Amino acid sequence: MRRLVILGGGYAGLHAFSVLRSRLGSQVARGEVELTLVSRDGHHTYHGWTGEVLSGDLAVGSTLTPIAPILGNSFVQGEVVSADLSGRTLTVQGEGATREIKFEHLVIAAGSVDPFDRIPGLAENGWCVKNSRDMQKLVGELESRDAAAQTTRNVVVVGGGLAGVETASALAARYGRAGSGKVNVHLVSFERQASALAAPRLHSYRRDGHAPAPRPGRAAP
């Protein structure tokens, strides 16, 4: 039996699994190929609704899709703590137990990590929206500060790309509602202009201070 292992339950990992299962389905059915996906989290996070979550229109749970019901026995939830590439073996820790997973082919789709250590103080004082754990912490912090708000506050969003502009506009929508107190949302970018695709959304705030109309059928950025 050939063992194919995919690391990561994000877009790349799930797409790779889908393609391989489609191409090798008959071999999997005959027991010639074993296809396994390993992910630290038991759910896939849909990033297309990040703005709606930050604006307060949707709960964080709305962005999560459980992986186990989709992949069944082909899914292993756990964190890879070591990898022996020459021995073709992974050590995975999950649910209080450690197990080894052997493979002939390994697809690494574990995603990227925000470089918080590049800017002093960012790790201690900053927030990111890359995964659901970060989002849950950030939304909890926003809600606690909303409840205790008494004075004018400033929120800084770093990055003028699609994610940065959407985050800034979502926070502006959140704080533009009655009773939220005075909040200034600042977008910081090393570029003079925001992303060309995101600029119209940002400019609509600059003109009148109100959120732009929702985009029907908006796809994930």
N, C-alpha and C. Protein backbone atom coordinates (compact mmCIF):
# COMPACT_ATOMS: atom_id res chain seq x y z
N MET A 1 0.84 -1.20 0.00
CA MET A 1 0.00 0.00 0.00
C MET A 1 0.88 1.25 0.00
N ARG A 2 0.53 2.21 -0.86
CA ARG A 2 1.21 3.50 -0.85
C ARG A 2 0.45 4.45 0.06
N ARG A 3 1.18 5.16 0.90
CA ARG A 3 0.56 6.08 1.85
C ARG A 3 0.87 7.52 1.45
N LEU A 4 -0.18 8.29 1.22
CA LEU A 4 -0.04 9.71 0.88
C LEU A 4 -0.60 10.52 2.05
N VAL A 5 0.22 11.43 2.59
CA VAL A 5 -0.17 12.22 3.74
C VAL A 5 -0.12 13.70 3.37
N ILE A 6 -1.18 14.43 3.73
CA ILE A 6 -1.26 15.87 3.50
C ILE A 6 -1.28 16.57 4.85
N LEU A 7 -0.44 17.57 5.01
CA LEU A 7 -0.41 18.35 6.24
C LEU A 7 -1.14 19.66 6.02
N GLY A 8 -2.17 19.93 6.84
CA GLY A 8 -2.87 21.21 6.75
C GLY A 8 -4.31 21.05 6.31
N GLY A 9 -5.22 21.68 7.07
CA GLY A 9 -6.63 21.62 6.73
C GLY A 9 -7.17 22.92 6.18
N GLY A 10 -6.28 23.71 5.57
CA GLY A 10 -6.70 24.96 4.95
C GLY A 10 -7.12 24.73 3.50
N TYR A 11 -7.15 25.82 2.74
CA TYR A 11 -7.58 25.73 1.34
C TYR A 11 -6.68 24.79 0.53
N ALA A 12 -5.36 24.96 0.66
CA ALA A 12 -4.43 24.15 -0.13
C ALA A 12 -4.50 22.68 0.24
N GLY A 13 -4.55 22.39 1.55
CA GLY A 13 -4.61 21.00 1.99
C GLY A 13 -5.87 20.29 1.56
N LEU A 14 -7.02 20.93 1.75
CA LEU A 14 -8.28 20.30 1.38
C LEU A 14 -8.42 20.16 -0.14
N HIS A 15 -7.91 21.15 -0.88
CA HIS A 15 -7.98 21.06 -2.34
C HIS A 15 -7.08 19.92 -2.84
N ALA A 16 -5.88 19.79 -2.24
CA ALA A 16 -4.98 18.71 -2.63
C ALA A 16 -5.63 17.35 -2.34
N PHE A 17 -6.28 17.24 -1.18
CA PHE A 17 -6.94 15.98 -0.83
C PHE A 17 -8.04 15.67 -1.83
N SER A 18 -8.84 16.66 -2.18
CA SER A 18 -9.94 16.46 -3.11
C SER A 18 -9.44 15.99 -4.48
N VAL A 19 -8.38 16.63 -4.96
CA VAL A 19 -7.84 16.27 -6.28
C VAL A 19 -7.26 14.86 -6.26
N LEU A 20 -6.49 14.55 -5.21
CA LEU A 20 -5.87 13.22 -5.14
C LEU A 20 -6.93 12.13 -4.98
N ARG A 21 -7.95 12.38 -4.18
CA ARG A 21 -8.99 11.37 -4.00
C ARG A 21 -9.75 11.16 -5.31
N SER A 22 -9.93 12.23 -6.07
CA SER A 22 -10.63 12.12 -7.35
C SER A 22 -9.80 11.30 -8.35
N ARG A 23 -8.49 11.55 -8.38
CA ARG A 23 -7.62 10.87 -9.34
C ARG A 23 -7.29 9.44 -8.92
N LEU A 24 -7.23 9.20 -7.61
CA LEU A 24 -6.80 7.88 -7.12
C LEU A 24 -7.92 7.11 -6.45
N GLY A 25 -9.15 7.55 -6.68
CA GLY A 25 -10.29 6.95 -6.00
C GLY A 25 -10.38 5.44 -6.15
N SER A 26 -10.16 4.93 -7.35
CA SER A 26 -10.27 3.48 -7.57
C SER A 26 -9.17 2.73 -6.83
N GLN A 27 -7.97 3.30 -6.76
CA GLN A 27 -6.87 2.66 -6.03
C GLN A 27 -7.11 2.69 -4.52
N VAL A 28 -7.71 3.79 -4.05
CA VAL A 28 -8.07 3.87 -2.63
C VAL A 28 -9.10 2.81 -2.29
N ALA A 29 -10.10 2.65 -3.17
CA ALA A 29 -11.15 1.66 -2.94
C ALA A 29 -10.59 0.25 -2.91
N ARG A 30 -9.55 -0.03 -3.72
CA ARG A 30 -8.96 -1.37 -3.75
C ARG A 30 -7.94 -1.60 -2.64
N GLY A 31 -7.68 -0.55 -1.84
CA GLY A 31 -6.71 -0.69 -0.75
C GLY A 31 -5.27 -0.57 -1.21
N GLU A 32 -5.04 -0.06 -2.41
CA GLU A 32 -3.68 0.10 -2.91
C GLU A 32 -3.06 1.41 -2.44
N VAL A 33 -3.91 2.39 -2.14
CA VAL A 33 -3.45 3.71 -1.72
C VAL A 33 -4.22 4.12 -0.47
N GLU A 34 -3.49 4.67 0.51
CA GLU A 34 -4.12 5.22 1.71
C GLU A 34 -3.88 6.72 1.72
N LEU A 35 -4.95 7.49 1.77
CA LEU A 35 -4.87 8.94 1.71
C LEU A 35 -5.27 9.51 3.07
N THR A 36 -4.37 10.32 3.67
CA THR A 36 -4.61 10.85 5.01
C THR A 36 -4.32 12.35 5.04
N LEU A 37 -5.20 13.09 5.72
CA LEU A 37 -4.96 14.52 5.94
C LEU A 37 -4.80 14.76 7.45
N VAL A 38 -3.73 15.46 7.82
CA VAL A 38 -3.44 15.76 9.22
C VAL A 38 -3.57 17.26 9.43
N SER A 39 -4.33 17.66 10.44
CA SER A 39 -4.51 19.07 10.74
C SER A 39 -4.57 19.28 12.25
N ARG A 40 -3.96 20.35 12.71
CA ARG A 40 -4.00 20.68 14.14
C ARG A 40 -5.41 21.01 14.59
N ASP A 41 -6.16 21.68 13.73
CA ASP A 41 -7.53 22.07 14.06
C ASP A 41 -8.52 21.10 13.44
N GLY A 42 -9.65 20.93 14.10
CA GLY A 42 -10.67 20.03 13.59
C GLY A 42 -11.63 20.67 12.63
N HIS A 43 -11.31 21.88 12.20
CA HIS A 43 -12.21 22.59 11.29
C HIS A 43 -11.41 23.37 10.25
N HIS A 44 -12.06 23.67 9.16
CA HIS A 44 -11.51 24.55 8.14
C HIS A 44 -12.08 25.96 8.37
N THR A 45 -11.22 26.96 8.27
CA THR A 45 -11.66 28.34 8.46
C THR A 45 -11.86 29.03 7.12
N TYR A 46 -13.08 29.53 6.90
CA TYR A 46 -13.40 30.26 5.67
C TYR A 46 -13.11 31.74 5.90
N HIS A 47 -12.15 32.28 5.14
CA HIS A 47 -11.71 33.66 5.36
C HIS A 47 -12.59 34.69 4.65
N GLY A 48 -13.52 34.23 3.84
CA GLY A 48 -14.36 35.16 3.09
C GLY A 48 -15.28 35.99 3.96
N TRP A 49 -15.51 35.57 5.21
CA TRP A 49 -16.40 36.31 6.09
C TRP A 49 -15.66 37.00 7.23
N THR A 50 -14.37 37.21 7.06
CA THR A 50 -13.59 37.88 8.10
C THR A 50 -14.15 39.26 8.40
N GLY A 51 -14.48 40.01 7.37
CA GLY A 51 -15.02 41.36 7.55
C GLY A 51 -16.33 41.34 8.31
N GLU A 52 -17.20 40.38 7.98
CA GLU A 52 -18.50 40.30 8.65
C GLU A 52 -18.35 39.94 10.13
N VAL A 53 -17.34 39.11 10.45
CA VAL A 53 -17.09 38.75 11.84
C VAL A 53 -16.57 39.96 12.61
N LEU A 54 -15.62 40.68 12.03
CA LEU A 54 -15.05 41.84 12.72
C LEU A 54 -16.07 42.97 12.86
N SER A 55 -16.98 43.08 11.91
CA SER A 55 -17.99 44.14 12.01
C SER A 55 -19.07 43.80 13.02
N GLY A 56 -19.12 42.53 13.44
CA GLY A 56 -20.12 42.10 14.41
C GLY A 56 -21.38 41.55 13.78
N ASP A 57 -21.39 41.36 12.46
CA ASP A 57 -22.57 40.86 11.78
C ASP A 57 -22.69 39.34 11.84
N LEU A 58 -21.55 38.64 12.02
CA LEU A 58 -21.56 37.18 12.09
C LEU A 58 -20.71 36.72 13.27
N ALA A 59 -21.07 35.57 13.83
CA ALA A 59 -20.26 34.96 14.89
C ALA A 59 -19.07 34.24 14.27
N VAL A 60 -17.99 34.08 15.04
CA VAL A 60 -16.80 33.39 14.53
C VAL A 60 -17.15 31.98 14.07
N GLY A 61 -18.05 31.33 14.79
CA GLY A 61 -18.42 29.96 14.44
C GLY A 61 -19.00 29.82 13.04
N SER A 62 -19.51 30.90 12.48
CA SER A 62 -20.07 30.85 11.13
C SER A 62 -19.01 30.60 10.07
N THR A 63 -17.74 30.85 10.41
CA THR A 63 -16.66 30.69 9.44
C THR A 63 -16.01 29.31 9.52
N LEU A 64 -16.48 28.44 10.43
CA LEU A 64 -15.83 27.15 10.67
C LEU A 64 -16.63 25.99 10.08
N THR A 65 -15.92 25.10 9.38
CA THR A 65 -16.53 23.89 8.83
C THR A 65 -15.79 22.68 9.38
N PRO A 66 -16.45 21.81 10.16
CA PRO A 66 -15.78 20.61 10.69
C PRO A 66 -15.22 19.74 9.57
N ILE A 67 -14.00 19.24 9.76
CA ILE A 67 -13.34 18.45 8.72
C ILE A 67 -13.72 16.98 8.79
N ALA A 68 -13.86 16.44 10.00
CA ALA A 68 -14.10 15.01 10.17
C ALA A 68 -15.31 14.50 9.39
N PRO A 69 -16.47 15.20 9.41
CA PRO A 69 -17.62 14.69 8.65
C PRO A 69 -17.37 14.63 7.14
N ILE A 70 -16.42 15.42 6.67
CA ILE A 70 -16.14 15.47 5.23
C ILE A 70 -15.17 14.36 4.82
N LEU A 71 -14.12 14.15 5.63
CA LEU A 71 -13.05 13.21 5.27
C LEU A 71 -13.17 11.85 5.95
N GLY A 72 -13.96 11.77 7.02
CA GLY A 72 -14.13 10.49 7.70
C GLY A 72 -12.83 9.95 8.28
N ASN A 73 -12.56 8.65 8.04
CA ASN A 73 -11.37 8.00 8.59
C ASN A 73 -10.07 8.49 7.97
N SER A 74 -10.17 9.29 6.92
CA SER A 74 -8.97 9.82 6.27
C SER A 74 -8.41 11.04 7.01
N PHE A 75 -9.11 11.48 8.03
CA PHE A 75 -8.69 12.69 8.77
C PHE A 75 -8.08 12.31 10.12
N VAL A 76 -6.93 12.94 10.41
CA VAL A 76 -6.27 12.79 11.71
C VAL A 76 -6.08 14.18 12.29
N GLN A 77 -6.69 14.43 13.44
CA GLN A 77 -6.51 15.72 14.10
C GLN A 77 -5.37 15.64 15.09
N GLY A 78 -4.40 16.51 14.92
CA GLY A 78 -3.24 16.51 15.80
C GLY A 78 -2.19 17.45 15.27
N GLU A 79 -1.18 17.70 16.08
CA GLU A 79 -0.09 18.60 15.70
C GLU A 79 1.17 17.79 15.44
N VAL A 80 1.80 18.05 14.32
CA VAL A 80 3.04 17.36 13.98
C VAL A 80 4.17 17.94 14.84
N VAL A 81 4.75 17.10 15.69
CA VAL A 81 5.82 17.56 16.59
C VAL A 81 7.20 17.22 16.05
N SER A 82 7.28 16.28 15.11
CA SER A 82 8.57 15.97 14.47
C SER A 82 8.31 15.25 13.17
N ALA A 83 9.28 15.36 12.26
CA ALA A 83 9.17 14.71 10.95
C ALA A 83 10.51 14.10 10.58
N ASP A 84 10.52 12.81 10.32
CA ASP A 84 11.71 12.10 9.86
C ASP A 84 11.53 11.88 8.36
N LEU A 85 12.07 12.81 7.57
CA LEU A 85 11.86 12.74 6.12
C LEU A 85 12.58 11.55 5.50
N SER A 86 13.79 11.26 5.97
CA SER A 86 14.50 10.11 5.41
C SER A 86 13.83 8.80 5.80
N GLY A 87 13.28 8.74 7.02
CA GLY A 87 12.57 7.54 7.45
C GLY A 87 11.11 7.55 7.06
N ARG A 88 10.66 8.67 6.46
CA ARG A 88 9.27 8.81 5.99
C ARG A 88 8.26 8.53 7.11
N THR A 89 8.46 9.24 8.22
CA THR A 89 7.60 9.05 9.38
C THR A 89 7.30 10.39 10.04
N LEU A 90 6.04 10.63 10.41
CA LEU A 90 5.63 11.80 11.15
C LEU A 90 5.24 11.40 12.56
N THR A 91 5.57 12.25 13.53
CA THR A 91 5.10 12.06 14.90
C THR A 91 4.03 13.10 15.17
N VAL A 92 2.82 12.63 15.46
CA VAL A 92 1.66 13.51 15.61
C VAL A 92 1.12 13.38 17.03
N GLN A 93 0.90 14.54 17.66
CA GLN A 93 0.35 14.56 19.01
C GLN A 93 -1.05 15.15 18.98
N GLY A 94 -2.00 14.42 19.56
CA GLY A 94 -3.37 14.90 19.60
C GLY A 94 -4.21 14.13 20.59
N GLU A 95 -5.10 14.83 21.28
CA GLU A 95 -5.99 14.23 22.27
C GLU A 95 -5.23 13.46 23.33
N GLY A 96 -4.12 14.03 23.79
CA GLY A 96 -3.36 13.44 24.88
C GLY A 96 -2.53 12.23 24.51
N ALA A 97 -2.46 11.88 23.24
CA ALA A 97 -1.70 10.71 22.81
C ALA A 97 -0.80 11.08 21.64
N THR A 98 0.29 10.33 21.49
CA THR A 98 1.23 10.54 20.38
C THR A 98 1.24 9.31 19.50
N ARG A 99 1.22 9.53 18.20
CA ARG A 99 1.24 8.41 17.26
C ARG A 99 2.17 8.70 16.10
N GLU A 100 2.63 7.65 15.45
CA GLU A 100 3.47 7.79 14.26
C GLU A 100 2.66 7.47 13.02
N ILE A 101 2.88 8.28 11.98
CA ILE A 101 2.21 8.07 10.71
C ILE A 101 3.27 7.92 9.63
N LYS A 102 3.25 6.81 8.94
CA LYS A 102 4.22 6.56 7.88
C LYS A 102 3.67 7.05 6.54
N PHE A 103 4.57 7.40 5.65
CA PHE A 103 4.14 7.90 4.34
C PHE A 103 5.18 7.56 3.28
N GLU A 104 4.71 7.45 2.06
CA GLU A 104 5.59 7.36 0.90
C GLU A 104 5.69 8.73 0.21
N HIS A 105 4.59 9.48 0.27
CA HIS A 105 4.56 10.82 -0.32
C HIS A 105 3.96 11.78 0.71
N LEU A 106 4.56 12.96 0.83
CA LEU A 106 4.12 13.95 1.81
C LEU A 106 3.85 15.28 1.12
N VAL A 107 2.66 15.82 1.32
CA VAL A 107 2.30 17.14 0.79
C VAL A 107 2.21 18.10 1.98
N ILE A 108 3.05 19.13 1.98
CA ILE A 108 3.06 20.09 3.09
C ILE A 108 2.26 21.32 2.68
N ALA A 109 1.11 21.51 3.33
CA ALA A 109 0.24 22.65 3.05
C ALA A 109 -0.19 23.26 4.37
N ALA A 110 0.79 23.49 5.24
CA ALA A 110 0.50 23.94 6.60
C ALA A 110 0.30 25.45 6.71
N GLY A 111 0.40 26.17 5.60
CA GLY A 111 0.16 27.61 5.64
C GLY A 111 1.37 28.41 6.08
N SER A 112 1.16 29.67 6.34
CA SER A 112 2.24 30.57 6.72
C SER A 112 1.99 31.13 8.12
N VAL A 113 3.00 31.79 8.65
CA VAL A 113 2.92 32.38 9.98
C VAL A 113 3.24 33.86 9.87
N ASP A 114 2.43 34.72 10.49
CA ASP A 114 2.70 36.16 10.47
C ASP A 114 4.00 36.46 11.18
N PRO A 115 4.87 37.30 10.59
CA PRO A 115 6.19 37.60 11.17
C PRO A 115 6.10 38.62 12.31
N PHE A 116 5.48 38.23 13.40
CA PHE A 116 5.28 39.14 14.52
C PHE A 116 6.60 39.57 15.16
N ASP A 117 7.65 38.77 15.00
CA ASP A 117 8.91 39.10 15.65
C ASP A 117 9.71 40.17 14.90
N ARG A 118 9.26 40.56 13.72
CA ARG A 118 9.99 41.56 12.94
C ARG A 118 9.81 42.97 13.48
N ILE A 119 8.71 43.21 14.18
CA ILE A 119 8.43 44.54 14.73
C ILE A 119 8.37 44.46 16.24
N PRO A 120 9.28 45.12 16.95
CA PRO A 120 9.29 45.05 18.41
C PRO A 120 7.95 45.48 19.01
N GLY A 121 7.44 44.67 19.93
CA GLY A 121 6.20 44.99 20.61
C GLY A 121 4.95 44.49 19.94
N LEU A 122 5.06 44.03 18.67
CA LEU A 122 3.86 43.61 17.94
C LEU A 122 3.26 42.33 18.53
N ALA A 123 4.10 41.40 18.91
CA ALA A 123 3.61 40.14 19.47
C ALA A 123 2.86 40.37 20.77
N GLU A 124 3.31 41.36 21.56
CA GLU A 124 2.67 41.62 22.86
C GLU A 124 1.42 42.48 22.73
N ASN A 125 1.35 43.31 21.71
CA ASN A 125 0.26 44.28 21.61
C ASN A 125 -0.60 44.15 20.36
N GLY A 126 -0.20 43.31 19.43
CA GLY A 126 -0.93 43.22 18.16
C GLY A 126 -1.84 42.02 18.08
N TRP A 127 -2.69 42.02 17.06
CA TRP A 127 -3.63 40.94 16.80
C TRP A 127 -3.59 40.62 15.31
N CYS A 128 -3.87 39.37 14.97
CA CYS A 128 -3.96 39.02 13.55
C CYS A 128 -5.27 38.28 13.32
N VAL A 129 -5.64 38.13 12.06
CA VAL A 129 -6.92 37.53 11.70
C VAL A 129 -6.74 36.30 10.81
N LYS A 130 -5.55 35.68 10.88
CA LYS A 130 -5.24 34.60 9.96
C LYS A 130 -6.06 33.34 10.23
N ASN A 131 -6.22 32.95 11.50
CA ASN A 131 -6.97 31.73 11.79
C ASN A 131 -8.05 31.99 12.84
N SER A 132 -8.88 30.98 13.06
CA SER A 132 -10.04 31.16 13.93
C SER A 132 -9.64 31.40 15.38
N ARG A 133 -8.53 30.83 15.83
CA ARG A 133 -8.10 31.05 17.21
C ARG A 133 -7.76 32.52 17.43
N ASP A 134 -7.03 33.09 16.48
CA ASP A 134 -6.71 34.52 16.58
C ASP A 134 -7.98 35.36 16.50
N MET A 135 -8.89 34.96 15.61
CA MET A 135 -10.13 35.71 15.44
C MET A 135 -10.97 35.69 16.71
N GLN A 136 -11.05 34.53 17.36
CA GLN A 136 -11.84 34.42 18.58
C GLN A 136 -11.27 35.33 19.67
N LYS A 137 -9.94 35.35 19.78
CA LYS A 137 -9.30 36.20 20.79
C LYS A 137 -9.54 37.68 20.47
N LEU A 138 -9.41 38.03 19.19
CA LEU A 138 -9.59 39.42 18.80
C LEU A 138 -11.02 39.88 19.01
N VAL A 139 -11.99 39.07 18.60
CA VAL A 139 -13.39 39.44 18.77
C VAL A 139 -13.73 39.57 20.25
N GLY A 140 -13.21 38.66 21.07
CA GLY A 140 -13.43 38.75 22.51
C GLY A 140 -12.87 40.03 23.09
N GLU A 141 -11.70 40.41 22.61
CA GLU A 141 -11.09 41.66 23.07
C GLU A 141 -11.91 42.87 22.63
N LEU A 142 -12.38 42.86 21.38
CA LEU A 142 -13.19 43.96 20.89
C LEU A 142 -14.47 44.10 21.70
N GLU A 143 -15.11 42.97 22.00
CA GLU A 143 -16.36 43.02 22.76
C GLU A 143 -16.15 43.53 24.17
N SER A 144 -15.05 43.12 24.82
CA SER A 144 -14.79 43.58 26.18
C SER A 144 -14.47 45.07 26.21
N ARG A 145 -13.76 45.53 25.20
CA ARG A 145 -13.42 46.96 25.15
C ARG A 145 -14.64 47.79 24.76
N ASP A 146 -15.50 47.22 23.91
CA ASP A 146 -16.73 47.94 23.55
C ASP A 146 -17.57 48.21 24.79
N ALA A 147 -17.65 47.20 25.66
CA ALA A 147 -18.50 47.32 26.85
C ALA A 147 -17.93 48.32 27.84
N ALA A 148 -16.59 48.45 27.84
CA ALA A 148 -15.96 49.34 28.83
C ALA A 148 -15.58 50.70 28.26
N ALA A 149 -15.96 50.96 27.01
CA ALA A 149 -15.54 52.20 26.34
C ALA A 149 -16.13 53.44 27.01
N GLN A 150 -15.26 54.39 27.33
CA GLN A 150 -15.69 55.65 27.92
C GLN A 150 -15.12 56.85 27.18
N THR A 151 -13.93 56.69 26.63
CA THR A 151 -13.24 57.80 25.98
C THR A 151 -12.95 57.46 24.52
N THR A 152 -12.43 58.46 23.81
CA THR A 152 -12.06 58.25 22.41
C THR A 152 -10.92 57.24 22.32
N ARG A 153 -11.05 56.31 21.37
CA ARG A 153 -10.03 55.28 21.19
C ARG A 153 -9.51 55.31 19.76
N ASN A 154 -8.32 54.75 19.59
CA ASN A 154 -7.70 54.65 18.28
C ASN A 154 -7.40 53.19 17.97
N VAL A 155 -7.77 52.76 16.77
CA VAL A 155 -7.47 51.41 16.31
C VAL A 155 -6.59 51.53 15.07
N VAL A 156 -5.47 50.81 15.06
CA VAL A 156 -4.53 50.86 13.94
C VAL A 156 -4.52 49.51 13.23
N VAL A 157 -4.72 49.53 11.92
CA VAL A 157 -4.66 48.33 11.09
C VAL A 157 -3.41 48.44 10.22
N VAL A 158 -2.53 47.44 10.28
CA VAL A 158 -1.28 47.47 9.52
C VAL A 158 -1.43 46.64 8.26
N GLY A 159 -1.21 47.26 7.11
CA GLY A 159 -1.29 46.55 5.84
C GLY A 159 -2.35 47.13 4.93
N GLY A 160 -1.97 47.57 3.74
CA GLY A 160 -2.90 48.20 2.81
C GLY A 160 -3.38 47.30 1.70
N GLY A 161 -3.24 45.98 1.88
CA GLY A 161 -3.74 45.04 0.89
C GLY A 161 -5.22 44.75 1.10
N LEU A 162 -5.70 43.69 0.47
CA LEU A 162 -7.12 43.35 0.57
C LEU A 162 -7.54 43.08 2.02
N ALA A 163 -6.72 42.28 2.75
CA ALA A 163 -7.07 41.93 4.12
C ALA A 163 -7.07 43.16 5.02
N GLY A 164 -6.05 44.03 4.85
CA GLY A 164 -5.96 45.22 5.69
C GLY A 164 -7.11 46.19 5.46
N VAL A 165 -7.44 46.42 4.20
CA VAL A 165 -8.52 47.35 3.88
C VAL A 165 -9.87 46.79 4.34
N GLU A 166 -10.08 45.47 4.16
CA GLU A 166 -11.34 44.88 4.61
C GLU A 166 -11.46 44.96 6.13
N THR A 167 -10.34 44.71 6.83
CA THR A 167 -10.36 44.80 8.29
C THR A 167 -10.68 46.21 8.75
N ALA A 168 -10.03 47.20 8.13
CA ALA A 168 -10.27 48.60 8.51
C ALA A 168 -11.71 49.00 8.24
N SER A 169 -12.25 48.60 7.09
CA SER A 169 -13.63 48.97 6.75
C SER A 169 -14.63 48.26 7.66
N ALA A 170 -14.33 47.00 8.03
CA ALA A 170 -15.22 46.27 8.93
C ALA A 170 -15.25 46.90 10.31
N LEU A 171 -14.08 47.31 10.80
CA LEU A 171 -14.02 47.96 12.11
C LEU A 171 -14.71 49.32 12.07
N ALA A 172 -14.57 50.02 10.93
CA ALA A 172 -15.26 51.31 10.80
C ALA A 172 -16.77 51.11 10.84
N ALA A 173 -17.25 50.02 10.21
CA ALA A 173 -18.68 49.72 10.25
C ALA A 173 -19.12 49.37 11.67
N ARG A 174 -18.28 48.61 12.36
CA ARG A 174 -18.60 48.21 13.74
C ARG A 174 -18.73 49.43 14.65
N TYR A 175 -17.78 50.36 14.52
CA TYR A 175 -17.76 51.52 15.41
C TYR A 175 -18.60 52.67 14.88
N GLY A 176 -19.18 52.50 13.70
CA GLY A 176 -20.04 53.55 13.18
C GLY A 176 -21.47 53.44 13.69
N ARG A 177 -21.76 52.40 14.44
CA ARG A 177 -23.09 52.21 14.97
C ARG A 177 -23.30 53.05 16.23
N ALA A 178 -24.53 53.37 16.47
CA ALA A 178 -24.87 54.20 17.63
C ALA A 178 -24.48 53.48 18.91
N GLY A 179 -23.92 54.24 19.87
CA GLY A 179 -23.60 53.71 21.17
C GLY A 179 -22.23 53.07 21.28
N SER A 180 -21.44 53.09 20.19
CA SER A 180 -20.14 52.46 20.24
C SER A 180 -19.05 53.39 20.75
N GLY A 181 -19.37 54.67 20.95
CA GLY A 181 -18.36 55.61 21.40
C GLY A 181 -17.53 56.11 20.24
N LYS A 182 -16.63 57.02 20.52
CA LYS A 182 -15.78 57.60 19.48
C LYS A 182 -14.55 56.73 19.26
N VAL A 183 -14.42 56.23 18.03
CA VAL A 183 -13.28 55.39 17.68
C VAL A 183 -12.71 55.86 16.35
N ASN A 184 -11.41 56.07 16.31
CA ASN A 184 -10.71 56.43 15.08
C ASN A 184 -10.00 55.19 14.54
N VAL A 185 -10.28 54.81 13.31
CA VAL A 185 -9.65 53.66 12.68
C VAL A 185 -8.59 54.16 11.70
N HIS A 186 -7.33 53.75 11.91
CA HIS A 186 -6.21 54.20 11.07
C HIS A 186 -5.67 53.01 10.29
N LEU A 187 -5.45 53.20 9.00
CA LEU A 187 -4.86 52.17 8.15
C LEU A 187 -3.43 52.59 7.81
N VAL A 188 -2.45 51.75 8.14
CA VAL A 188 -1.04 52.05 7.93
C VAL A 188 -0.48 51.10 6.89
N SER A 189 0.17 51.64 5.87
CA SER A 189 0.76 50.83 4.82
C SER A 189 2.01 51.51 4.29
N PHE A 190 3.01 50.71 3.86
CA PHE A 190 4.22 51.30 3.30
C PHE A 190 3.98 51.81 1.88
N GLU A 191 2.85 51.43 1.28
CA GLU A 191 2.49 51.94 -0.04
C GLU A 191 1.67 53.22 0.12
N ARG A 192 1.81 54.15 -0.82
CA ARG A 192 1.03 55.38 -0.76
C ARG A 192 -0.44 55.14 -1.04
N GLN A 193 -0.73 54.10 -1.85
CA GLN A 193 -2.11 53.81 -2.20
C GLN A 193 -2.45 52.39 -1.78
N ALA A 194 -3.72 52.18 -1.45
CA ALA A 194 -4.18 50.85 -1.09
C ALA A 194 -4.24 49.99 -2.34
N SER A 195 -4.39 48.70 -2.13
CA SER A 195 -4.53 47.77 -3.24
C SER A 195 -5.58 48.28 -4.22
N ALA A 196 -5.30 48.16 -5.50
CA ALA A 196 -6.22 48.67 -6.52
C ALA A 196 -7.60 48.02 -6.41
N LEU A 197 -7.63 46.74 -6.03
CA LEU A 197 -8.92 46.06 -5.90
C LEU A 197 -9.67 46.50 -4.66
N ALA A 198 -8.91 46.92 -3.63
CA ALA A 198 -9.56 47.30 -2.37
C ALA A 198 -9.85 48.79 -2.28
N ALA A 199 -9.20 49.59 -3.12
CA ALA A 199 -9.32 51.04 -3.02
C ALA A 199 -10.76 51.56 -3.08
N PRO A 200 -11.62 51.06 -3.98
CA PRO A 200 -13.00 51.59 -4.01
C PRO A 200 -13.73 51.42 -2.68
N ARG A 201 -13.50 50.30 -2.00
CA ARG A 201 -14.16 50.06 -0.72
C ARG A 201 -13.65 51.05 0.32
N LEU A 202 -12.35 51.33 0.32
CA LEU A 202 -11.77 52.26 1.28
C LEU A 202 -12.20 53.69 0.96
N HIS A 203 -12.22 54.05 -0.31
CA HIS A 203 -12.57 55.41 -0.69
C HIS A 203 -14.00 55.75 -0.31
N SER A 204 -14.89 54.76 -0.31
CA SER A 204 -16.27 55.06 0.04
C SER A 204 -16.37 55.51 1.49
N TYR A 205 -15.46 55.02 2.35
CA TYR A 205 -15.44 55.49 3.72
C TYR A 205 -14.87 56.90 3.79
N ARG A 206 -13.86 57.16 3.00
CA ARG A 206 -13.21 58.46 3.05
C ARG A 206 -14.15 59.56 2.59
N ARG A 207 -15.05 59.23 1.67
CA ARG A 207 -15.95 60.27 1.14
C ARG A 207 -17.02 60.67 2.14
N ASP A 208 -17.71 59.65 2.71
CA ASP A 208 -18.88 60.01 3.52
C ASP A 208 -18.86 59.43 4.93
N GLY A 209 -17.85 58.61 5.26
CA GLY A 209 -17.75 58.08 6.61
C GLY A 209 -18.68 56.93 6.90
N HIS A 210 -19.39 56.42 5.88
CA HIS A 210 -20.32 55.32 6.10
C HIS A 210 -19.82 54.07 5.37
N ALA A 211 -20.29 52.92 5.85
CA ALA A 211 -19.88 51.66 5.23
C ALA A 211 -20.46 51.54 3.84
N PRO A 212 -19.70 50.94 2.91
CA PRO A 212 -20.25 50.70 1.57
C PRO A 212 -21.28 49.60 1.62
N ALA A 213 -22.11 49.55 0.60
CA ALA A 213 -23.16 48.53 0.57
C ALA A 213 -22.52 47.16 0.44
N PRO A 214 -23.15 46.11 1.04
CA PRO A 214 -22.62 44.75 0.94
C PRO A 214 -22.51 44.32 -0.51
N ARG A 215 -21.53 43.45 -0.77
CA ARG A 215 -21.34 42.94 -2.12
C ARG A 215 -22.01 41.58 -2.25
N PRO A 216 -23.08 41.47 -3.02
CA PRO A 216 -23.79 40.19 -3.15
C PRO A 216 -22.87 39.11 -3.71
N GLY A 217 -22.94 37.92 -3.11
CA GLY A 217 -22.17 36.80 -3.62
C GLY A 217 -20.67 37.00 -3.54
N ARG A 218 -20.20 37.74 -2.55
CA ARG A 218 -18.76 38.01 -2.46
C ARG A 218 -17.98 36.74 -2.22
N ALA A 219 -16.94 36.54 -2.99
CA ALA A 219 -16.11 35.35 -2.81
C ALA A 219 -15.01 35.64 -1.81
N ALA A 220 -14.33 34.57 -1.38
CA ALA A 220 -13.22 34.74 -0.42
C ALA A 220 -12.09 35.48 -1.09
N PRO A 221 -11.42 36.40 -0.33
CA PRO A 221 -10.30 37.13 -0.91
C PRO A 221 -9.10 36.23 -1.10
